[in-house]
Amino acid sequence: MTDRLRELFAVPPAEFVAARDALAKELRASRREDEAKEVEIQRRPTAPVWAVNQLARRAPADVEELLDSSERVEKAQLRGAAGDELRAAMTAQRAALAKLERGAEQILRGAGLQSSPAALRTVQSTLQAAATGPKEIRDRLRNGMVQEALEPAGFEALLGAGVAPGRQGHKTSHSTSPPTSTSASTRRAEAAAAREAKTRAQEQAREERERAREAARLEGRLRKLEARAEAAERAAKKARDAVESARADLKQLRS
């Protein structure tokens, strides 16, 4: 059944509902009612989520690299690894994520789907959240069966920021532990996260301005079209009245 579901998630979004219903019907005809119900509850993925799922089929090695590098970041955090090791893991994670994002953009364009900055942000956040999520979600990413757009818990998952629980130095009654290289690397990671957040905020603000301009343009066009439609309706009514008048005149002449 997993293979059939995996095939379903490979179907382009526009064809998903028809393919889902056909598969459910086939399963029900085979008296596999429970499996049919499992298929029926599947929702059509958005274009960005569909692109994420295609990456598992077209670039499985790149998906594995993201999963592996994300695991290395997590382990480095938990161990309180030195700054160089943590930075190397974060760099590998970012590189894997960027490569997959470019791949998803090509997939969207190749399918004639929108590859806007907003769509690619959804791709990025879904990849990031899936790669750093529970095993079930990681397996869905690996198998190309992500069901919906995901949001990571924070920048920590991608950038390696934050202090791992239980890793603070032990205090004694004689002295206070001095700052460690781990805390320094954590501060650098947090700074990187802040820069990333600022960049994203700037991109979002720019896109919102673009959307506002586009909305204003479309609103103006809509007003013009509505005015033309009203004028056409008036002209049509006038023409109908003229036809009725001519018909009445002709009837009177023939009587």
C-alpha atoms as a PDB file:
ATOM      1  CA  MET A   1       0.000   0.000   0.000  1.00  0.00           C
ATOM      2  CA  THR A   2       2.877   2.367   0.742  1.00  0.00           C
ATOM      3  CA  ASP A   3       4.064   2.045  -2.851  1.00  0.00           C
ATOM      4  CA  ARG A   4       0.603   2.929  -4.177  1.00  0.00           C
ATOM      5  CA  LEU A   5       0.437   5.985  -1.948  1.00  0.00           C
ATOM      6  CA  ARG A   6       3.933   6.982  -3.006  1.00  0.00           C
ATOM      7  CA  GLU A   7       2.836   6.790  -6.633  1.00  0.00           C
ATOM      8  CA  LEU A   8      -0.145   8.975  -5.783  1.00  0.00           C
ATOM      9  CA  PHE A   9       2.093  11.718  -4.366  1.00  0.00           C
ATOM     10  CA  ALA A  10       4.078  11.707  -7.617  1.00  0.00           C
ATOM     11  CA  VAL A  11       0.982  12.831  -9.555  1.00  0.00           C
ATOM     12  CA  PRO A  12       0.922  16.573 -10.499  1.00  0.00           C
ATOM     13  CA  PRO A  13      -1.397  18.642  -8.278  1.00  0.00           C
ATOM     14  CA  ALA A  14      -3.948  19.231 -11.048  1.00  0.00           C
ATOM     15  CA  GLU A  15      -4.374  15.475 -11.499  1.00  0.00           C
ATOM     16  CA  PHE A  16      -4.187  14.475  -7.846  1.00  0.00           C
ATOM     17  CA  VAL A  17      -7.896  14.385  -6.976  1.00  0.00           C
ATOM     18  CA  ALA A  18      -8.828  12.268 -10.002  1.00  0.00           C
ATOM     19  CA  ALA A  19      -5.941   9.855  -9.334  1.00  0.00           C
ATOM     20  CA  ARG A  20      -6.817   9.629  -5.635  1.00  0.00           C
ATOM     21  CA  ASP A  21     -10.470   8.907  -6.316  1.00  0.00           C
ATOM     22  CA  ALA A  22      -9.586   6.314  -8.958  1.00  0.00           C
ATOM     23  CA  LEU A  23      -7.220   4.534  -6.569  1.00  0.00           C
ATOM     24  CA  ALA A  24      -9.792   4.576  -3.769  1.00  0.00           C
ATOM     25  CA  LYS A  25     -12.401   3.145  -6.139  1.00  0.00           C
ATOM     26  CA  GLU A  26     -10.010   0.412  -7.235  1.00  0.00           C
ATOM     27  CA  LEU A  27      -9.213  -0.527  -3.640  1.00  0.00           C
ATOM     28  CA  ARG A  28     -12.866  -0.547  -2.676  1.00  0.00           C
ATOM     29  CA  ALA A  29     -13.698  -2.778  -5.629  1.00  0.00           C
ATOM     30  CA  SER A  30     -11.047  -5.178  -4.308  1.00  0.00           C
ATOM     31  CA  ARG A  31     -12.767  -5.051  -0.887  1.00  0.00           C
ATOM     32  CA  ARG A  32      -9.785  -3.290   0.684  1.00  0.00           C
ATOM     33  CA  GLU A  33     -12.011  -0.845   2.524  1.00  0.00           C
ATOM     34  CA  ASP A  34      -9.500   0.338   5.130  1.00  0.00           C
ATOM     35  CA  GLU A  35      -6.910   1.135   2.482  1.00  0.00           C
ATOM     36  CA  ALA A  36      -9.525   2.904   0.376  1.00  0.00           C
ATOM     37  CA  LYS A  37     -10.402   5.116   3.346  1.00  0.00           C
ATOM     38  CA  GLU A  38      -6.725   5.885   3.924  1.00  0.00           C
ATOM     39  CA  VAL A  39      -6.427   7.025   0.308  1.00  0.00           C
ATOM     40  CA  GLU A  40      -9.618   9.105   0.424  1.00  0.00           C
ATOM     41  CA  ILE A  41      -8.386  11.257   3.307  1.00  0.00           C
ATOM     42  CA  GLN A  42      -5.275  12.346   1.383  1.00  0.00           C
ATOM     43  CA  ARG A  43      -5.453  16.004   0.409  1.00  0.00           C
ATOM     44  CA  ARG A  44      -4.094  17.451  -2.781  1.00  0.00           C
ATOM     45  CA  PRO A  45      -0.635  18.893  -2.063  1.00  0.00           C
ATOM     46  CA  THR A  46       0.135  22.465  -2.997  1.00  0.00           C
ATOM     47  CA  ALA A  47       2.616  23.061  -5.806  1.00  0.00           C
ATOM     48  CA  PRO A  48       5.566  23.733  -3.428  1.00  0.00           C
ATOM     49  CA  VAL A  49       4.832  20.572  -1.424  1.00  0.00           C
ATOM     50  CA  TRP A  50       4.510  18.578  -4.646  1.00  0.00           C
ATOM     51  CA  ALA A  51       7.917  19.911  -5.721  1.00  0.00           C
ATOM     52  CA  VAL A  52       9.415  18.833  -2.378  1.00  0.00           C
ATOM     53  CA  ASN A  53       8.052  15.331  -2.941  1.00  0.00           C
ATOM     54  CA  GLN A  54       9.508  15.203  -6.446  1.00  0.00           C
ATOM     55  CA  LEU A  55      12.964  15.907  -5.040  1.00  0.00           C
ATOM     56  CA  ALA A  56      12.898  12.505  -3.326  1.00  0.00           C
ATOM     57  CA  ARG A  57      12.366  10.938  -6.759  1.00  0.00           C
ATOM     58  CA  ARG A  58      14.690  13.082  -8.846  1.00  0.00           C
ATOM     59  CA  ALA A  59      17.444  13.951  -6.371  1.00  0.00           C
ATOM     60  CA  PRO A  60      17.399  11.327  -3.599  1.00  0.00           C
ATOM     61  CA  ALA A  61      21.121  11.755  -2.903  1.00  0.00           C
ATOM     62  CA  ASP A  62      20.616  15.485  -2.281  1.00  0.00           C
ATOM     63  CA  VAL A  63      17.715  14.753   0.065  1.00  0.00           C
ATOM     64  CA  GLU A  64      19.899  12.297   1.979  1.00  0.00           C
ATOM     65  CA  GLU A  65      22.638  14.938   2.206  1.00  0.00           C
ATOM     66  CA  LEU A  66      20.179  17.363   3.815  1.00  0.00           C
ATOM     67  CA  LEU A  67      19.002  14.694   6.256  1.00  0.00           C
ATOM     68  CA  ASP A  68      22.577  13.682   7.120  1.00  0.00           C
ATOM     69  CA  SER A  69      23.860  17.234   7.545  1.00  0.00           C
ATOM     70  CA  SER A  70      20.840  18.156   9.695  1.00  0.00           C
ATOM     71  CA  GLU A  71      21.571  15.157  11.897  1.00  0.00           C
ATOM     72  CA  ARG A  72      25.210  16.250  12.206  1.00  0.00           C
ATOM     73  CA  VAL A  73      24.101  19.720  13.304  1.00  0.00           C
ATOM     74  CA  GLU A  74      21.816  18.233  15.932  1.00  0.00           C
ATOM     75  CA  LYS A  75      24.499  15.885  17.256  1.00  0.00           C
ATOM     76  CA  ALA A  76      27.045  18.689  17.361  1.00  0.00           C
ATOM     77  CA  GLN A  77      24.639  20.783  19.410  1.00  0.00           C
ATOM     78  CA  LEU A  78      23.854  17.972  21.814  1.00  0.00           C
ATOM     79  CA  ARG A  79      27.542  17.234  22.354  1.00  0.00           C
ATOM     80  CA  GLY A  80      28.389  20.882  22.773  1.00  0.00           C
ATOM     81  CA  ALA A  81      30.870  20.485  19.921  1.00  0.00           C
ATOM     82  CA  ALA A  82      33.593  23.009  19.187  1.00  0.00           C
ATOM     83  CA  GLY A  83      32.753  25.964  17.006  1.00  0.00           C
ATOM     84  CA  ASP A  84      34.580  24.680  13.918  1.00  0.00           C
ATOM     85  CA  GLU A  85      32.706  21.385  13.916  1.00  0.00           C
ATOM     86  CA  LEU A  86      29.346  23.082  14.403  1.00  0.00           C
ATOM     87  CA  ARG A  87      30.048  25.636  11.674  1.00  0.00           C
ATOM     88  CA  ALA A  88      31.081  22.896   9.250  1.00  0.00           C
ATOM     89  CA  ALA A  89      27.867  20.991   9.892  1.00  0.00           C
ATOM     90  CA  MET A  90      25.784  24.145   9.483  1.00  0.00           C
ATOM     91  CA  THR A  91      27.578  25.017   6.242  1.00  0.00           C
ATOM     92  CA  ALA A  92      26.875  21.565   4.831  1.00  0.00           C
ATOM     93  CA  GLN A  93      23.249  21.852   5.883  1.00  0.00           C
ATOM     94  CA  ARG A  94      22.812  25.239   4.224  1.00  0.00           C
ATOM     95  CA  ALA A  95      24.499  24.016   1.030  1.00  0.00           C
ATOM     96  CA  ALA A  96      22.226  20.955   0.848  1.00  0.00           C
ATOM     97  CA  LEU A  97      19.146  23.066   1.450  1.00  0.00           C
ATOM     98  CA  ALA A  98      20.125  25.604  -1.214  1.00  0.00           C
ATOM     99  CA  LYS A  99      20.793  22.846  -3.756  1.00  0.00           C
ATOM    100  CA  LEU A 100      17.390  21.284  -3.124  1.00  0.00           C
ATOM    101  CA  GLU A 101      15.680  24.659  -3.339  1.00  0.00           C
ATOM    102  CA  ARG A 102      17.222  25.228  -6.774  1.00  0.00           C
ATOM    103  CA  GLY A 103      16.086  21.767  -7.801  1.00  0.00           C
ATOM    104  CA  ALA A 104      12.540  22.476  -6.650  1.00  0.00           C
ATOM    105  CA  GLU A 105      12.522  25.729  -8.624  1.00  0.00           C
ATOM    106  CA  GLN A 106      13.459  23.828 -11.788  1.00  0.00           C
ATOM    107  CA  ILE A 107      10.771  21.227 -11.090  1.00  0.00           C
ATOM    108  CA  LEU A 108       8.100  23.898 -10.668  1.00  0.00           C
ATOM    109  CA  ARG A 109       9.114  25.729 -13.818  1.00  0.00           C
ATOM    110  CA  GLY A 110       9.324  22.501 -15.802  1.00  0.00           C
ATOM    111  CA  ALA A 111       5.754  21.661 -14.773  1.00  0.00           C
ATOM    112  CA  GLY A 112       4.493  25.141 -15.658  1.00  0.00           C
ATOM    113  CA  LEU A 113       3.825  25.956 -12.003  1.00  0.00           C
ATOM    114  CA  GLN A 114       4.571  29.167 -10.147  1.00  0.00           C
ATOM    115  CA  SER A 115       8.094  29.407  -8.731  1.00  0.00           C
ATOM    116  CA  SER A 116       7.643  32.725  -6.922  1.00  0.00           C
ATOM    117  CA  PRO A 117       9.762  33.716  -3.909  1.00  0.00           C
ATOM    118  CA  ALA A 118       6.810  32.840  -1.667  1.00  0.00           C
ATOM    119  CA  ALA A 119       6.557  29.362  -3.213  1.00  0.00           C
ATOM    120  CA  LEU A 120      10.292  28.793  -2.794  1.00  0.00           C
ATOM    121  CA  ARG A 121      10.120  29.958   0.835  1.00  0.00           C
ATOM    122  CA  THR A 122       7.464  27.295   1.393  1.00  0.00           C
ATOM    123  CA  VAL A 123       9.774  24.739  -0.226  1.00  0.00           C
ATOM    124  CA  GLN A 124      12.648  25.819   1.998  1.00  0.00           C
ATOM    125  CA  SER A 125      10.671  25.841   5.251  1.00  0.00           C
ATOM    126  CA  THR A 126       9.088  22.458   4.463  1.00  0.00           C
ATOM    127  CA  LEU A 127      12.462  20.894   3.673  1.00  0.00           C
ATOM    128  CA  GLN A 128      13.986  22.406   6.790  1.00  0.00           C
ATOM    129  CA  ALA A 129      11.150  21.310   9.079  1.00  0.00           C
ATOM    130  CA  ALA A 130      10.966  17.804   7.604  1.00  0.00           C
ATOM    131  CA  ALA A 131      14.736  17.247   7.767  1.00  0.00           C
ATOM    132  CA  THR A 132      14.836  18.235  11.448  1.00  0.00           C
ATOM    133  CA  GLY A 133      11.488  16.765  12.480  1.00  0.00           C
ATOM    134  CA  PRO A 134      10.453  13.428  13.990  1.00  0.00           C
ATOM    135  CA  LYS A 135      11.420  10.171  12.280  1.00  0.00           C
ATOM    136  CA  GLU A 136       7.995   9.810  10.659  1.00  0.00           C
ATOM    137  CA  ILE A 137       8.317  13.208   8.963  1.00  0.00           C
ATOM    138  CA  ARG A 138      11.902  12.522   7.894  1.00  0.00           C
ATOM    139  CA  ASP A 139      10.763   9.235   6.347  1.00  0.00           C
ATOM    140  CA  ARG A 140       7.982  11.042   4.487  1.00  0.00           C
ATOM    141  CA  LEU A 141      10.547  13.442   3.058  1.00  0.00           C
ATOM    142  CA  ARG A 142      12.810  10.551   2.087  1.00  0.00           C
ATOM    143  CA  ASN A 143       9.914   8.727   0.376  1.00  0.00           C
ATOM    144  CA  GLY A 144       8.418  11.812  -1.297  1.00  0.00           C
ATOM    145  CA  MET A 145       5.182  11.648   0.678  1.00  0.00           C
ATOM    146  CA  VAL A 146       5.061  14.967   2.548  1.00  0.00           C
ATOM    147  CA  GLN A 147       1.381  15.829   2.941  1.00  0.00           C
ATOM    148  CA  GLU A 148       1.417  19.558   3.662  1.00  0.00           C
ATOM    149  CA  ALA A 149       3.613  22.616   4.017  1.00  0.00           C
ATOM    150  CA  LEU A 150       5.640  22.589   7.233  1.00  0.00           C
ATOM    151  CA  GLU A 151       7.178  25.291   9.368  1.00  0.00           C
ATOM    152  CA  PRO A 152      10.322  24.689  11.443  1.00  0.00           C
ATOM    153  CA  ALA A 153      10.128  25.426  15.147  1.00  0.00           C
ATOM    154  CA  GLY A 154      12.704  28.184  14.750  1.00  0.00           C
ATOM    155  CA  PHE A 155      15.990  29.075  13.124  1.00  0.00           C
ATOM    156  CA  GLU A 156      17.786  26.692  15.470  1.00  0.00           C
ATOM    157  CA  ALA A 157      17.011  23.671  13.305  1.00  0.00           C
ATOM    158  CA  LEU A 158      18.698  25.146  10.244  1.00  0.00           C
ATOM    159  CA  LEU A 159      21.356  27.382  11.712  1.00  0.00           C
ATOM    160  CA  GLY A 160      22.419  25.361  14.736  1.00  0.00           C
ATOM    161  CA  ALA A 161      21.521  28.139  17.139  1.00  0.00           C
ATOM    162  CA  GLY A 162      20.494  27.663  20.725  1.00  0.00           C
ATOM    163  CA  VAL A 163      21.993  25.805  23.672  1.00  0.00           C
ATOM    164  CA  ALA A 164      21.328  22.096  23.842  1.00  0.00           C
ATOM    165  CA  PRO A 165      19.494  21.087  27.019  1.00  0.00           C
ATOM    166  CA  GLY A 166      21.605  19.661  29.804  1.00  0.00           C
ATOM    167  CA  ARG A 167      24.904  20.839  28.306  1.00  0.00           C
ATOM    168  CA  GLN A 168      25.623  23.775  30.600  1.00  0.00           C
ATOM    169  CA  GLY A 169      28.766  23.428  32.666  1.00  0.00           C
ATOM    170  CA  HIS A 170      28.385  22.184  36.242  1.00  0.00           C
ATOM    171  CA  LYS A 171      28.828  24.806  38.913  1.00  0.00           C
ATOM    172  CA  THR A 172      30.696  24.087  42.131  1.00  0.00           C
ATOM    173  CA  SER A 173      30.736  25.876  45.439  1.00  0.00           C
ATOM    174  CA  HIS A 174      34.362  26.890  44.791  1.00  0.00           C
ATOM    175  CA  SER A 175      34.200  28.660  41.430  1.00  0.00           C
ATOM    176  CA  THR A 176      32.063  29.695  38.490  1.00  0.00           C
ATOM    177  CA  SER A 177      32.703  27.988  35.124  1.00  0.00           C
ATOM    178  CA  PRO A 178      34.331  30.361  32.635  1.00  0.00           C
ATOM    179  CA  PRO A 179      32.772  30.952  29.211  1.00  0.00           C
ATOM    180  CA  THR A 180      33.473  28.096  26.803  1.00  0.00           C
ATOM    181  CA  SER A 181      34.106  27.945  23.076  1.00  0.00           C
ATOM    182  CA  THR A 182      30.703  26.275  22.784  1.00  0.00           C
ATOM    183  CA  SER A 183      28.922  29.356  24.142  1.00  0.00           C
ATOM    184  CA  ALA A 184      30.935  31.511  21.756  1.00  0.00           C
ATOM    185  CA  SER A 185      29.941  29.337  18.812  1.00  0.00           C
ATOM    186  CA  THR A 186      26.362  29.484  20.017  1.00  0.00           C
ATOM    187  CA  ARG A 187      26.476  33.295  20.047  1.00  0.00           C
ATOM    188  CA  ARG A 188      27.878  33.281  16.526  1.00  0.00           C
ATOM    189  CA  ALA A 189      25.135  30.908  15.420  1.00  0.00           C
ATOM    190  CA  GLU A 190      22.513  33.126  17.040  1.00  0.00           C
ATOM    191  CA  ALA A 191      23.972  36.130  15.239  1.00  0.00           C
ATOM    192  CA  ALA A 192      23.783  34.221  11.976  1.00  0.00           C
ATOM    193  CA  ALA A 193      20.172  33.355  12.775  1.00  0.00           C
ATOM    194  CA  ALA A 194      19.398  37.012  13.435  1.00  0.00           C
ATOM    195  CA  ARG A 195      20.933  38.020  10.115  1.00  0.00           C
ATOM    196  CA  GLU A 196      18.917  35.310   8.374  1.00  0.00           C
ATOM    197  CA  ALA A 197      15.747  36.535  10.078  1.00  0.00           C
ATOM    198  CA  LYS A 198      16.455  40.119   9.028  1.00  0.00           C
ATOM    199  CA  THR A 199      17.055  39.049   5.426  1.00  0.00           C
ATOM    200  CA  ARG A 200      13.815  37.092   5.344  1.00  0.00           C
ATOM    201  CA  ALA A 201      11.909  39.992   6.870  1.00  0.00           C
ATOM    202  CA  GLN A 202      13.299  42.321   4.203  1.00  0.00           C
ATOM    203  CA  GLU A 203      12.360  39.876   1.455  1.00  0.00           C
ATOM    204  CA  GLN A 204       8.872  39.509   2.876  1.00  0.00           C
ATOM    205  CA  ALA A 205       8.411  43.285   3.074  1.00  0.00           C
ATOM    206  CA  ARG A 206       9.580  43.661  -0.523  1.00  0.00           C
ATOM    207  CA  GLU A 207       7.189  40.959  -1.702  1.00  0.00           C
ATOM    208  CA  GLU A 208       4.324  42.545   0.227  1.00  0.00           C
ATOM    209  CA  ARG A 209       5.020  45.853  -1.533  1.00  0.00           C
ATOM    210  CA  GLU A 210       5.049  44.050  -4.882  1.00  0.00           C
ATOM    211  CA  ARG A 211       1.779  42.309  -4.053  1.00  0.00           C
ATOM    212  CA  ALA A 212       0.236  45.634  -3.044  1.00  0.00           C
ATOM    213  CA  ARG A 213       1.295  47.209  -6.342  1.00  0.00           C
ATOM    214  CA  GLU A 214      -0.041  44.238  -8.277  1.00  0.00           C
ATOM    215  CA  ALA A 215      -3.312  44.335  -6.328  1.00  0.00           C
ATOM    216  CA  ALA A 216      -3.698  48.060  -7.100  1.00  0.00           C
ATOM    217  CA  ARG A 217      -3.016  47.409 -10.781  1.00  0.00           C
ATOM    218  CA  LEU A 218      -5.554  44.596 -10.917  1.00  0.00           C
ATOM    219  CA  GLU A 219      -8.105  46.651  -9.022  1.00  0.00           C
ATOM    220  CA  GLY A 220      -7.754  49.474 -11.562  1.00  0.00           C
ATOM    221  CA  ARG A 221      -8.104  47.033 -14.421  1.00  0.00           C
ATOM    222  CA  LEU A 222     -11.172  45.499 -12.785  1.00  0.00           C
ATOM    223  CA  ARG A 223     -12.823  48.903 -12.477  1.00  0.00           C
ATOM    224  CA  LYS A 224     -12.194  49.582 -16.174  1.00  0.00           C
ATOM    225  CA  LEU A 225     -13.585  46.190 -17.166  1.00  0.00           C
ATOM    226  CA  GLU A 226     -16.637  46.697 -14.998  1.00  0.00           C
ATOM    227  CA  ALA A 227     -17.218  50.112 -16.612  1.00  0.00           C
ATOM    228  CA  ARG A 228     -16.900  48.542 -20.066  1.00  0.00           C
ATOM    229  CA  ALA A 229     -19.305  45.778 -19.076  1.00  0.00           C
ATOM    230  CA  GLU A 230     -21.861  48.302 -17.856  1.00  0.00           C
ATOM    231  CA  ALA A 231     -21.484  50.304 -21.056  1.00  0.00           C
ATOM    232  CA  ALA A 232     -21.909  47.134 -23.110  1.00  0.00           C
ATOM    233  CA  GLU A 233     -25.030  46.232 -21.138  1.00  0.00           C
ATOM    234  CA  ARG A 234     -26.482  49.694 -21.761  1.00  0.00           C
ATOM    235  CA  ALA A 235     -25.660  49.439 -25.465  1.00  0.00           C
ATOM    236  CA  ALA A 236     -27.213  45.970 -25.611  1.00  0.00           C
ATOM    237  CA  LYS A 237     -30.376  47.214 -23.908  1.00  0.00           C
ATOM    238  CA  LYS A 238     -30.572  50.132 -26.313  1.00  0.00           C
ATOM    239  CA  ALA A 239     -30.153  47.748 -29.248  1.00  0.00           C
ATOM    240  CA  ARG A 240     -32.865  45.445 -27.894  1.00  0.00           C
ATOM    241  CA  ASP A 241     -35.217  48.393 -27.485  1.00  0.00           C
ATOM    242  CA  ALA A 242     -34.493  49.452 -31.075  1.00  0.00           C
ATOM    243  CA  VAL A 243     -35.228  45.929 -32.297  1.00  0.00           C
ATOM    244  CA  GLU A 244     -38.515  45.837 -30.413  1.00  0.00           C
ATOM    245  CA  SER A 245     -39.454  49.247 -31.770  1.00  0.00           C
ATOM    246  CA  ALA A 246     -38.637  48.206 -35.332  1.00  0.00           C
ATOM    247  CA  ARG A 247     -40.589  44.980 -34.883  1.00  0.00           C
ATOM    248  CA  ALA A 248     -43.588  46.929 -33.604  1.00  0.00           C
ATOM    249  CA  ASP A 249     -43.419  49.342 -36.551  1.00  0.00           C
ATOM    250  CA  LEU A 250     -43.229  46.442 -38.998  1.00  0.00           C
ATOM    251  CA  LYS A 251     -46.170  44.713 -37.388  1.00  0.00           C
ATOM    252  CA  GLN A 252     -48.235  47.887 -37.591  1.00  0.00           C
ATOM    253  CA  LEU A 253     -47.464  48.308 -41.310  1.00  0.00           C
ATOM    254  CA  ARG A 254     -48.493  44.726 -42.049  1.00  0.00           C
ATOM    255  CA  SER A 255     -51.741  44.916 -40.129  1.00  0.00           C
END
